[in-house]
Amino acid sequence: MPRLPPVAVVLVVAAGMWALARAVTVGSFPSAGARLVAMLAALAGAAIAIAGVVEFRRVRTTVDPRRPEKASALVRGGVYRCTRNPMYLGLLLVLIGWGLWLGSLPALLAGPALFVVWMNRGQIRAEEAALERAFGAEYRAFAASVPRWCRPFPPASSARAAGGWRLAARAGAYYFALVFATGFVLGALRVTVLVPRLGTRTAELAEVPVMLAVTLFAARWVARRLSVPPSARPRLGMGCVALVLLLVAEFGLVLPLRGLTLAEYLATRDPVSSAAYYASLVVLALAPWLLARCGSGTAGAAP
């Protein structure tokens, strides 16, 4: 077992994130608006972690991560229906919030990634081995049905059962999340690295083909993973949901993070790169349907 308990691991990683943010200024972003999102992430993480502790207390088993072999019951209710490690998932969200609070893209990417690797190798594997020895087939069934960290997608059967607009909305939300997360990272790199060297127009145009490739990949992967039918209604619904969410995030989150009003944002946009950006929004909305028409991203679970 590792020498450091999980909370101590969080403190070590958080200190490293702070040092990295101070040492590496490339990838820094305004932290004023980001701090609201940071607090929301930290609060969500705390709520998930507390929910895990509550379930442990409810069945009266140990919460000591250093002694998993002393567990007297296998907890499968509440938040454990979605993740096998809600306390660690909560700590991960706290670290993500810390990275946003620091306003440092390198810290935001490196710290949580290091925590996941550290916990997987140093803590979780030992816990899983101990729980399998203690509970045998019951734990193996639990591990097969519930993910170690979190489930980004429901099982294909439950996604199909949702059907209709619910399936389109769910697929669109996941599609948006993949595209927006990638765009957020690339945007920070563009502003801090490319714009000072290439200028705004060239930097924005250089980002467009990368985002188009990400959009097509995300549309295909999500549609296959959630078994979205290839017909026009669910595919266009998926694309339209993603487009609406992206616009809401763009104007409701990104602009405040950059300290811009909508009028200032529109006034400062380069006309050439703006045209490419608006064209990419059209592609975002149509990509799921176009891929189905071309025979790529047809329904069926991804391998």
C-alpha atoms as a PDB file:
ATOM      1  CA  MET A   1       0.000   0.000   0.000  1.00  0.00           C
ATOM      2  CA  PRO A   2       1.181   3.575  -0.611  1.00  0.00           C
ATOM      3  CA  ARG A   3       2.827   5.566   2.142  1.00  0.00           C
ATOM      4  CA  LEU A   4       0.548   8.552   1.656  1.00  0.00           C
ATOM      5  CA  PRO A   5      -3.211   8.471   2.264  1.00  0.00           C
ATOM      6  CA  PRO A   6      -5.358   9.889  -0.575  1.00  0.00           C
ATOM      7  CA  VAL A   7      -5.905  13.261   1.111  1.00  0.00           C
ATOM      8  CA  ALA A   8      -2.140  13.671   1.484  1.00  0.00           C
ATOM      9  CA  VAL A   9      -1.732  12.758  -2.198  1.00  0.00           C
ATOM     10  CA  VAL A  10      -4.160  15.560  -3.060  1.00  0.00           C
ATOM     11  CA  LEU A  11      -2.163  18.034  -1.000  1.00  0.00           C
ATOM     12  CA  VAL A  12       1.104  17.014  -2.658  1.00  0.00           C
ATOM     13  CA  VAL A  13      -0.394  17.239  -6.148  1.00  0.00           C
ATOM     14  CA  ALA A  14      -2.055  20.570  -5.328  1.00  0.00           C
ATOM     15  CA  ALA A  15       1.276  21.974  -4.152  1.00  0.00           C
ATOM     16  CA  GLY A  16       2.904  20.772  -7.365  1.00  0.00           C
ATOM     17  CA  MET A  17       0.151  22.416  -9.407  1.00  0.00           C
ATOM     18  CA  TRP A  18       0.748  25.705  -7.604  1.00  0.00           C
ATOM     19  CA  ALA A  19       4.494  25.496  -8.253  1.00  0.00           C
ATOM     20  CA  LEU A  20       3.898  24.641 -11.918  1.00  0.00           C
ATOM     21  CA  ALA A  21       1.519  27.571 -12.340  1.00  0.00           C
ATOM     22  CA  ARG A  22       4.133  29.894 -10.882  1.00  0.00           C
ATOM     23  CA  ALA A  23       6.991  28.506 -12.971  1.00  0.00           C
ATOM     24  CA  VAL A  24       5.235  28.109 -16.344  1.00  0.00           C
ATOM     25  CA  THR A  25       3.313  31.129 -17.555  1.00  0.00           C
ATOM     26  CA  VAL A  26       2.530  29.702 -21.015  1.00  0.00           C
ATOM     27  CA  GLY A  27      -1.084  28.606 -21.037  1.00  0.00           C
ATOM     28  CA  SER A  28      -2.218  31.000 -18.316  1.00  0.00           C
ATOM     29  CA  PHE A  29      -5.765  32.313 -18.599  1.00  0.00           C
ATOM     30  CA  PRO A  30      -7.736  34.970 -16.688  1.00  0.00           C
ATOM     31  CA  SER A  31      -8.706  33.461 -13.355  1.00  0.00           C
ATOM     32  CA  ALA A  32     -11.449  35.887 -12.295  1.00  0.00           C
ATOM     33  CA  GLY A  33     -14.281  34.194 -14.180  1.00  0.00           C
ATOM     34  CA  ALA A  34     -12.692  30.753 -13.888  1.00  0.00           C
ATOM     35  CA  ARG A  35     -12.893  30.906 -10.119  1.00  0.00           C
ATOM     36  CA  LEU A  36     -16.672  30.602 -10.177  1.00  0.00           C
ATOM     37  CA  VAL A  37     -16.366  27.401 -12.204  1.00  0.00           C
ATOM     38  CA  ALA A  38     -13.570  26.299  -9.872  1.00  0.00           C
ATOM     39  CA  MET A  39     -15.808  26.653  -6.834  1.00  0.00           C
ATOM     40  CA  LEU A  40     -18.604  24.739  -8.541  1.00  0.00           C
ATOM     41  CA  ALA A  41     -16.212  21.911  -9.424  1.00  0.00           C
ATOM     42  CA  ALA A  42     -14.852  21.777  -5.882  1.00  0.00           C
ATOM     43  CA  LEU A  43     -18.339  21.794  -4.364  1.00  0.00           C
ATOM     44  CA  ALA A  44     -19.449  19.022  -6.718  1.00  0.00           C
ATOM     45  CA  GLY A  45     -16.376  17.008  -5.767  1.00  0.00           C
ATOM     46  CA  ALA A  46     -17.022  17.502  -2.066  1.00  0.00           C
ATOM     47  CA  ALA A  47     -20.658  16.438  -2.493  1.00  0.00           C
ATOM     48  CA  ILE A  48     -19.686  13.246  -4.350  1.00  0.00           C
ATOM     49  CA  ALA A  49     -17.027  12.367  -1.773  1.00  0.00           C
ATOM     50  CA  ILE A  50     -19.423  12.971   1.131  1.00  0.00           C
ATOM     51  CA  ALA A  51     -22.069  10.841  -0.586  1.00  0.00           C
ATOM     52  CA  GLY A  52     -19.546   8.001  -0.707  1.00  0.00           C
ATOM     53  CA  VAL A  53     -18.727   8.351   2.990  1.00  0.00           C
ATOM     54  CA  VAL A  54     -22.442   8.383   3.843  1.00  0.00           C
ATOM     55  CA  GLU A  55     -22.952   5.068   2.038  1.00  0.00           C
ATOM     56  CA  PHE A  56     -20.034   3.533   3.914  1.00  0.00           C
ATOM     57  CA  ARG A  57     -21.470   4.709   7.229  1.00  0.00           C
ATOM     58  CA  ARG A  58     -24.909   3.433   6.292  1.00  0.00           C
ATOM     59  CA  VAL A  59     -23.656  -0.151   5.973  1.00  0.00           C
ATOM     60  CA  ARG A  60     -21.192   0.332   8.858  1.00  0.00           C
ATOM     61  CA  THR A  61     -17.992  -0.616   7.082  1.00  0.00           C
ATOM     62  CA  THR A  62     -14.541   0.965   7.248  1.00  0.00           C
ATOM     63  CA  VAL A  63     -13.734   4.143   5.335  1.00  0.00           C
ATOM     64  CA  ASP A  64      -9.991   3.805   5.950  1.00  0.00           C
ATOM     65  CA  PRO A  65      -8.383   3.535   2.484  1.00  0.00           C
ATOM     66  CA  ARG A  66      -5.236   2.070   4.035  1.00  0.00           C
ATOM     67  CA  ARG A  67      -7.092  -1.000   5.337  1.00  0.00           C
ATOM     68  CA  PRO A  68      -9.445  -2.204   2.580  1.00  0.00           C
ATOM     69  CA  GLU A  69      -9.122  -5.771   3.829  1.00  0.00           C
ATOM     70  CA  LYS A  70     -11.127  -4.747   6.911  1.00  0.00           C
ATOM     71  CA  ALA A  71     -14.229  -3.971   4.833  1.00  0.00           C
ATOM     72  CA  SER A  72     -17.196  -5.843   6.310  1.00  0.00           C
ATOM     73  CA  ALA A  73     -19.628  -5.182   3.454  1.00  0.00           C
ATOM     74  CA  LEU A  74     -19.516  -4.383  -0.250  1.00  0.00           C
ATOM     75  CA  VAL A  75     -21.156  -1.008  -0.834  1.00  0.00           C
ATOM     76  CA  ARG A  76     -23.232  -0.938  -4.036  1.00  0.00           C
ATOM     77  CA  GLY A  77     -25.976   1.600  -3.359  1.00  0.00           C
ATOM     78  CA  GLY A  78     -26.304   5.335  -3.841  1.00  0.00           C
ATOM     79  CA  VAL A  79     -23.428   6.986  -5.656  1.00  0.00           C
ATOM     80  CA  TYR A  80     -21.721   3.592  -5.983  1.00  0.00           C
ATOM     81  CA  ARG A  81     -24.135   2.768  -8.785  1.00  0.00           C
ATOM     82  CA  CYS A  82     -22.175   5.238 -10.941  1.00  0.00           C
ATOM     83  CA  THR A  83     -18.595   4.918  -9.692  1.00  0.00           C
ATOM     84  CA  ARG A  84     -16.629   2.452  -7.600  1.00  0.00           C
ATOM     85  CA  ASN A  85     -14.539   5.252  -6.099  1.00  0.00           C
ATOM     86  CA  PRO A  86     -16.704   8.319  -5.403  1.00  0.00           C
ATOM     87  CA  MET A  87     -14.336   9.665  -2.758  1.00  0.00           C
ATOM     88  CA  TYR A  88     -11.408   9.648  -5.171  1.00  0.00           C
ATOM     89  CA  LEU A  89     -13.583  11.042  -7.943  1.00  0.00           C
ATOM     90  CA  GLY A  90     -14.577  13.860  -5.609  1.00  0.00           C
ATOM     91  CA  LEU A  91     -10.936  14.617  -4.825  1.00  0.00           C
ATOM     92  CA  LEU A  92     -10.204  14.653  -8.556  1.00  0.00           C
ATOM     93  CA  LEU A  93     -12.897  17.293  -9.090  1.00  0.00           C
ATOM     94  CA  VAL A  94     -11.399  19.347  -6.268  1.00  0.00           C
ATOM     95  CA  LEU A  95      -8.038  19.285  -8.061  1.00  0.00           C
ATOM     96  CA  ILE A  96      -9.696  20.314 -11.319  1.00  0.00           C
ATOM     97  CA  GLY A  97     -11.251  23.218  -9.456  1.00  0.00           C
ATOM     98  CA  TRP A  98      -7.847  24.121  -8.039  1.00  0.00           C
ATOM     99  CA  GLY A  99      -6.340  24.173 -11.531  1.00  0.00           C
ATOM    100  CA  LEU A 100      -9.101  26.527 -12.696  1.00  0.00           C
ATOM    101  CA  TRP A 101      -8.587  28.702  -9.645  1.00  0.00           C
ATOM    102  CA  LEU A 102      -4.885  29.007 -10.466  1.00  0.00           C
ATOM    103  CA  GLY A 103      -5.702  30.042 -14.042  1.00  0.00           C
ATOM    104  CA  SER A 104      -3.002  27.748 -15.435  1.00  0.00           C
ATOM    105  CA  LEU A 105      -3.638  25.311 -18.275  1.00  0.00           C
ATOM    106  CA  PRO A 106      -0.446  23.263 -17.578  1.00  0.00           C
ATOM    107  CA  ALA A 107      -1.468  22.851 -13.927  1.00  0.00           C
ATOM    108  CA  LEU A 108      -5.060  22.064 -14.901  1.00  0.00           C
ATOM    109  CA  LEU A 109      -3.946  19.276 -17.232  1.00  0.00           C
ATOM    110  CA  ALA A 110      -0.953  17.855 -15.363  1.00  0.00           C
ATOM    111  CA  GLY A 111      -2.250  17.814 -11.777  1.00  0.00           C
ATOM    112  CA  PRO A 112      -5.473  15.811 -12.227  1.00  0.00           C
ATOM    113  CA  ALA A 113      -3.740  13.449 -14.674  1.00  0.00           C
ATOM    114  CA  LEU A 114      -0.956  12.773 -12.163  1.00  0.00           C
ATOM    115  CA  PHE A 115      -3.524  12.173  -9.422  1.00  0.00           C
ATOM    116  CA  VAL A 116      -5.408   9.604 -11.541  1.00  0.00           C
ATOM    117  CA  VAL A 117      -2.209   7.725 -12.415  1.00  0.00           C
ATOM    118  CA  TRP A 118      -0.975   7.843  -8.793  1.00  0.00           C
ATOM    119  CA  MET A 119      -4.277   6.579  -7.408  1.00  0.00           C
ATOM    120  CA  ASN A 120      -4.706   3.866 -10.035  1.00  0.00           C
ATOM    121  CA  ARG A 121      -1.258   2.428  -9.492  1.00  0.00           C
ATOM    122  CA  GLY A 122      -0.657   3.126  -5.821  1.00  0.00           C
ATOM    123  CA  GLN A 123      -4.071   2.851  -4.203  1.00  0.00           C
ATOM    124  CA  ILE A 124      -6.948   1.516  -6.244  1.00  0.00           C
ATOM    125  CA  ARG A 125      -5.326  -1.628  -7.583  1.00  0.00           C
ATOM    126  CA  ALA A 126      -4.409  -2.751  -4.061  1.00  0.00           C
ATOM    127  CA  GLU A 127      -7.939  -1.996  -2.850  1.00  0.00           C
ATOM    128  CA  GLU A 128      -9.481  -3.958  -5.715  1.00  0.00           C
ATOM    129  CA  ALA A 129      -7.278  -6.964  -5.009  1.00  0.00           C
ATOM    130  CA  ALA A 130      -8.226  -6.881  -1.321  1.00  0.00           C
ATOM    131  CA  LEU A 131     -11.952  -6.549  -2.078  1.00  0.00           C
ATOM    132  CA  GLU A 132     -11.848  -9.383  -4.586  1.00  0.00           C
ATOM    133  CA  ARG A 133     -10.222 -11.638  -2.000  1.00  0.00           C
ATOM    134  CA  ALA A 134     -12.848 -10.641   0.556  1.00  0.00           C
ATOM    135  CA  PHE A 135     -15.994 -10.780  -1.589  1.00  0.00           C
ATOM    136  CA  GLY A 136     -15.054 -12.949  -4.564  1.00  0.00           C
ATOM    137  CA  ALA A 137     -17.652 -13.251  -7.306  1.00  0.00           C
ATOM    138  CA  GLU A 138     -19.834 -10.520  -5.787  1.00  0.00           C
ATOM    139  CA  TYR A 139     -17.066  -7.962  -6.182  1.00  0.00           C
ATOM    140  CA  ARG A 140     -16.163  -9.170  -9.686  1.00  0.00           C
ATOM    141  CA  ALA A 141     -19.773  -8.663 -10.763  1.00  0.00           C
ATOM    142  CA  PHE A 142     -19.777  -5.202  -9.197  1.00  0.00           C
ATOM    143  CA  ALA A 143     -16.514  -4.264 -10.943  1.00  0.00           C
ATOM    144  CA  ALA A 144     -17.869  -5.501 -14.267  1.00  0.00           C
ATOM    145  CA  SER A 145     -21.003  -3.359 -14.027  1.00  0.00           C
ATOM    146  CA  VAL A 146     -19.677  -0.142 -12.431  1.00  0.00           C
ATOM    147  CA  PRO A 147     -16.606   1.786 -13.692  1.00  0.00           C
ATOM    148  CA  ARG A 148     -13.544   2.513 -11.567  1.00  0.00           C
ATOM    149  CA  TRP A 149     -13.887   6.302 -11.891  1.00  0.00           C
ATOM    150  CA  CYS A 150     -17.057   7.261 -13.713  1.00  0.00           C
ATOM    151  CA  ARG A 151     -19.159   6.155 -16.640  1.00  0.00           C
ATOM    152  CA  PRO A 152     -19.088   8.745 -19.425  1.00  0.00           C
ATOM    153  CA  PHE A 153     -21.682   6.746 -21.328  1.00  0.00           C
ATOM    154  CA  PRO A 154     -24.558   4.551 -20.194  1.00  0.00           C
ATOM    155  CA  PRO A 155     -24.715   0.966 -21.424  1.00  0.00           C
ATOM    156  CA  ALA A 156     -25.862   0.760 -25.032  1.00  0.00           C
ATOM    157  CA  SER A 157     -29.037  -1.059 -23.983  1.00  0.00           C
ATOM    158  CA  SER A 158     -30.152   1.729 -21.651  1.00  0.00           C
ATOM    159  CA  ALA A 159     -29.284   4.372 -24.229  1.00  0.00           C
ATOM    160  CA  ARG A 160     -31.440   2.644 -26.823  1.00  0.00           C
ATOM    161  CA  ALA A 161     -34.239   2.241 -24.309  1.00  0.00           C
ATOM    162  CA  ALA A 162     -34.298   6.004 -23.773  1.00  0.00           C
ATOM    163  CA  GLY A 163     -35.146   6.415 -27.458  1.00  0.00           C
ATOM    164  CA  GLY A 164     -36.304   9.460 -29.395  1.00  0.00           C
ATOM    165  CA  TRP A 165     -35.450  12.921 -28.189  1.00  0.00           C
ATOM    166  CA  ARG A 166     -33.904  11.633 -24.967  1.00  0.00           C
ATOM    167  CA  LEU A 167     -31.294   9.672 -26.889  1.00  0.00           C
ATOM    168  CA  ALA A 168     -30.613  12.642 -29.175  1.00  0.00           C
ATOM    169  CA  ALA A 169     -30.279  14.979 -26.188  1.00  0.00           C
ATOM    170  CA  ARG A 170     -27.938  12.633 -24.364  1.00  0.00           C
ATOM    171  CA  ALA A 171     -25.801  12.028 -27.430  1.00  0.00           C
ATOM    172  CA  GLY A 172     -25.720  15.752 -28.174  1.00  0.00           C
ATOM    173  CA  ALA A 173     -24.571  16.522 -24.632  1.00  0.00           C
ATOM    174  CA  TYR A 174     -21.677  14.060 -24.851  1.00  0.00           C
ATOM    175  CA  TYR A 175     -20.830  15.273 -28.357  1.00  0.00           C
ATOM    176  CA  PHE A 176     -20.734  18.859 -27.111  1.00  0.00           C
ATOM    177  CA  ALA A 177     -18.598  17.928 -24.085  1.00  0.00           C
ATOM    178  CA  LEU A 178     -15.895  16.325 -26.228  1.00  0.00           C
ATOM    179  CA  VAL A 179     -15.770  19.187 -28.722  1.00  0.00           C
ATOM    180  CA  PHE A 180     -15.952  21.934 -26.105  1.00  0.00           C
ATOM    181  CA  ALA A 181     -13.271  20.414 -23.859  1.00  0.00           C
ATOM    182  CA  THR A 182     -10.898  20.073 -26.802  1.00  0.00           C
ATOM    183  CA  GLY A 183     -11.708  23.579 -28.013  1.00  0.00           C
ATOM    184  CA  PHE A 184     -11.119  25.020 -24.540  1.00  0.00           C
ATOM    185  CA  VAL A 185      -7.637  23.503 -24.360  1.00  0.00           C
ATOM    186  CA  LEU A 186      -6.730  24.464 -27.930  1.00  0.00           C
ATOM    187  CA  GLY A 187      -8.125  27.963 -27.415  1.00  0.00           C
ATOM    188  CA  ALA A 188      -5.915  28.553 -24.395  1.00  0.00           C
ATOM    189  CA  LEU A 189      -2.879  27.343 -26.331  1.00  0.00           C
ATOM    190  CA  ARG A 190      -3.845  29.477 -29.319  1.00  0.00           C
ATOM    191  CA  VAL A 191      -4.172  32.672 -27.282  1.00  0.00           C
ATOM    192  CA  THR A 192      -0.983  32.186 -25.276  1.00  0.00           C
ATOM    193  CA  VAL A 193       1.298  30.508 -27.830  1.00  0.00           C
ATOM    194  CA  LEU A 194       0.167  31.059 -31.425  1.00  0.00           C
ATOM    195  CA  VAL A 195      -1.386  34.542 -31.377  1.00  0.00           C
ATOM    196  CA  PRO A 196       1.782  36.331 -30.152  1.00  0.00           C
ATOM    197  CA  ARG A 197       3.804  34.611 -32.892  1.00  0.00           C
ATOM    198  CA  LEU A 198       1.401  34.380 -35.828  1.00  0.00           C
ATOM    199  CA  GLY A 199      -1.283  36.968 -35.207  1.00  0.00           C
ATOM    200  CA  THR A 200      -4.958  36.460 -34.452  1.00  0.00           C
ATOM    201  CA  ARG A 201      -6.173  35.565 -37.929  1.00  0.00           C
ATOM    202  CA  THR A 202      -3.488  32.997 -38.735  1.00  0.00           C
ATOM    203  CA  ALA A 203      -3.715  31.430 -35.292  1.00  0.00           C
ATOM    204  CA  GLU A 204      -7.506  31.070 -35.481  1.00  0.00           C
ATOM    205  CA  LEU A 205      -7.393  29.687 -39.022  1.00  0.00           C
ATOM    206  CA  ALA A 206      -4.717  27.170 -37.965  1.00  0.00           C
ATOM    207  CA  GLU A 207      -7.041  25.900 -35.258  1.00  0.00           C
ATOM    208  CA  VAL A 208     -10.004  25.353 -37.593  1.00  0.00           C
ATOM    209  CA  PRO A 209      -8.855  22.117 -39.346  1.00  0.00           C
ATOM    210  CA  VAL A 210      -7.889  20.581 -36.017  1.00  0.00           C
ATOM    211  CA  MET A 211     -11.317  21.345 -34.558  1.00  0.00           C
ATOM    212  CA  LEU A 212     -13.043  20.014 -37.685  1.00  0.00           C
ATOM    213  CA  ALA A 213     -11.167  16.727 -37.289  1.00  0.00           C
ATOM    214  CA  VAL A 214     -12.118  16.603 -33.604  1.00  0.00           C
ATOM    215  CA  THR A 215     -15.753  17.350 -34.475  1.00  0.00           C
ATOM    216  CA  LEU A 216     -15.969  14.527 -37.006  1.00  0.00           C
ATOM    217  CA  PHE A 217     -14.261  12.081 -34.668  1.00  0.00           C
ATOM    218  CA  ALA A 218     -16.500  13.023 -31.729  1.00  0.00           C
ATOM    219  CA  ALA A 219     -19.673  12.802 -33.822  1.00  0.00           C
ATOM    220  CA  ARG A 220     -18.766   9.367 -35.121  1.00  0.00           C
ATOM    221  CA  TRP A 221     -17.597   7.995 -31.789  1.00  0.00           C
ATOM    222  CA  VAL A 222     -20.561   9.217 -29.748  1.00  0.00           C
ATOM    223  CA  ALA A 223     -23.077   8.052 -32.356  1.00  0.00           C
ATOM    224  CA  ARG A 224     -21.529   4.596 -32.412  1.00  0.00           C
ATOM    225  CA  ARG A 225     -21.113   4.385 -28.667  1.00  0.00           C
ATOM    226  CA  LEU A 226     -24.723   5.351 -27.929  1.00  0.00           C
ATOM    227  CA  SER A 227     -26.131   3.469 -30.921  1.00  0.00           C
ATOM    228  CA  VAL A 228     -27.811   6.557 -32.362  1.00  0.00           C
ATOM    229  CA  PRO A 229     -29.917   5.442 -35.364  1.00  0.00           C
ATOM    230  CA  PRO A 230     -28.663   6.713 -38.743  1.00  0.00           C
ATOM    231  CA  SER A 231     -31.984   8.355 -39.621  1.00  0.00           C
ATOM    232  CA  ALA A 232     -32.174  12.133 -39.990  1.00  0.00           C
ATOM    233  CA  ARG A 233     -34.223  13.038 -36.903  1.00  0.00           C
ATOM    234  CA  PRO A 234     -31.997  11.602 -34.132  1.00  0.00           C
ATOM    235  CA  ARG A 235     -28.760  12.536 -35.909  1.00  0.00           C
ATOM    236  CA  LEU A 236     -29.823  16.132 -36.588  1.00  0.00           C
ATOM    237  CA  GLY A 237     -31.232  16.328 -33.070  1.00  0.00           C
ATOM    238  CA  MET A 238     -27.887  15.232 -31.679  1.00  0.00           C
ATOM    239  CA  GLY A 239     -26.086  17.898 -33.715  1.00  0.00           C
ATOM    240  CA  CYS A 240     -28.545  20.668 -32.825  1.00  0.00           C
ATOM    241  CA  VAL A 241     -28.324  19.898 -29.102  1.00  0.00           C
ATOM    242  CA  ALA A 242     -24.537  20.079 -29.290  1.00  0.00           C
ATOM    243  CA  LEU A 243     -24.724  23.374 -31.193  1.00  0.00           C
ATOM    244  CA  VAL A 244     -27.069  24.989 -28.667  1.00  0.00           C
ATOM    245  CA  LEU A 245     -24.930  23.853 -25.734  1.00  0.00           C
ATOM    246  CA  LEU A 246     -21.783  25.115 -27.447  1.00  0.00           C
ATOM    247  CA  LEU A 247     -23.283  28.551 -28.032  1.00  0.00           C
ATOM    248  CA  VAL A 248     -24.508  28.740 -24.442  1.00  0.00           C
ATOM    249  CA  ALA A 249     -21.062  27.766 -23.172  1.00  0.00           C
ATOM    250  CA  GLU A 250     -19.339  30.174 -25.560  1.00  0.00           C
ATOM    251  CA  PHE A 251     -21.378  33.203 -24.574  1.00  0.00           C
ATOM    252  CA  GLY A 252     -22.176  32.253 -20.994  1.00  0.00           C
ATOM    253  CA  LEU A 253     -18.836  30.870 -19.847  1.00  0.00           C
ATOM    254  CA  VAL A 254     -15.956  31.632 -22.193  1.00  0.00           C
ATOM    255  CA  LEU A 255     -16.707  35.324 -22.623  1.00  0.00           C
ATOM    256  CA  PRO A 256     -16.857  35.986 -18.850  1.00  0.00           C
ATOM    257  CA  LEU A 257     -13.610  34.039 -18.437  1.00  0.00           C
ATOM    258  CA  ARG A 258     -11.997  36.325 -21.012  1.00  0.00           C
ATOM    259  CA  GLY A 259     -13.529  39.426 -19.463  1.00  0.00           C
ATOM    260  CA  LEU A 260     -15.459  40.374 -22.625  1.00  0.00           C
ATOM    261  CA  THR A 261     -19.014  41.482 -23.258  1.00  0.00           C
ATOM    262  CA  LEU A 262     -20.896  40.095 -26.251  1.00  0.00           C
ATOM    263  CA  ALA A 263     -20.580  43.430 -28.065  1.00  0.00           C
ATOM    264  CA  GLU A 264     -16.818  43.536 -27.441  1.00  0.00           C
ATOM    265  CA  TYR A 265     -16.451  39.942 -28.594  1.00  0.00           C
ATOM    266  CA  LEU A 266     -18.285  40.550 -31.881  1.00  0.00           C
ATOM    267  CA  ALA A 267     -16.440  43.820 -32.499  1.00  0.00           C
ATOM    268  CA  THR A 268     -13.015  42.237 -32.092  1.00  0.00           C
ATOM    269  CA  ARG A 269     -13.642  39.166 -34.246  1.00  0.00           C
ATOM    270  CA  ASP A 270     -11.558  38.911 -37.417  1.00  0.00           C
ATOM    271  CA  PRO A 271     -13.942  38.683 -40.410  1.00  0.00           C
ATOM    272  CA  VAL A 272     -12.033  35.917 -42.199  1.00  0.00           C
ATOM    273  CA  SER A 273     -11.524  33.653 -39.198  1.00  0.00           C
ATOM    274  CA  SER A 274     -15.084  34.434 -38.060  1.00  0.00           C
ATOM    275  CA  ALA A 275     -16.441  33.076 -41.329  1.00  0.00           C
ATOM    276  CA  ALA A 276     -14.439  29.885 -40.837  1.00  0.00           C
ATOM    277  CA  TYR A 277     -15.704  29.631 -37.257  1.00  0.00           C
ATOM    278  CA  TYR A 278     -19.343  30.015 -38.273  1.00  0.00           C
ATOM    279  CA  ALA A 279     -18.859  27.406 -40.992  1.00  0.00           C
ATOM    280  CA  SER A 280     -17.450  25.040 -38.371  1.00  0.00           C
ATOM    281  CA  LEU A 281     -20.619  25.537 -36.298  1.00  0.00           C
ATOM    282  CA  VAL A 282     -22.675  24.399 -39.272  1.00  0.00           C
ATOM    283  CA  VAL A 283     -20.439  21.347 -39.588  1.00  0.00           C
ATOM    284  CA  LEU A 284     -20.893  20.635 -35.878  1.00  0.00           C
ATOM    285  CA  ALA A 285     -24.665  20.563 -36.265  1.00  0.00           C
ATOM    286  CA  LEU A 286     -24.681  18.492 -39.470  1.00  0.00           C
ATOM    287  CA  ALA A 287     -21.737  16.128 -38.848  1.00  0.00           C
ATOM    288  CA  PRO A 288     -23.702  13.296 -37.135  1.00  0.00           C
ATOM    289  CA  TRP A 289     -26.221  13.198 -39.985  1.00  0.00           C
ATOM    290  CA  LEU A 290     -23.596  13.597 -42.743  1.00  0.00           C
ATOM    291  CA  LEU A 291     -21.504  10.766 -41.318  1.00  0.00           C
ATOM    292  CA  ALA A 292     -24.575   8.526 -41.288  1.00  0.00           C
ATOM    293  CA  ARG A 293     -25.299   9.448 -44.905  1.00  0.00           C
ATOM    294  CA  CYS A 294     -21.714   8.555 -45.828  1.00  0.00           C
ATOM    295  CA  GLY A 295     -21.912   5.249 -43.967  1.00  0.00           C
ATOM    296  CA  SER A 296     -19.497   6.281 -41.198  1.00  0.00           C
ATOM    297  CA  GLY A 297     -20.658   6.341 -37.597  1.00  0.00           C
ATOM    298  CA  THR A 298     -23.530   3.955 -38.148  1.00  0.00           C
ATOM    299  CA  ALA A 299     -25.404   2.639 -35.166  1.00  0.00           C
ATOM    300  CA  GLY A 300     -23.674   0.064 -33.051  1.00  0.00           C
ATOM    301  CA  ALA A 301     -21.450   0.072 -30.010  1.00  0.00           C
ATOM    302  CA  ALA A 302     -17.893   1.116 -30.590  1.00  0.00           C
ATOM    303  CA  PRO A 303     -15.255  -1.506 -29.937  1.00  0.00           C
END
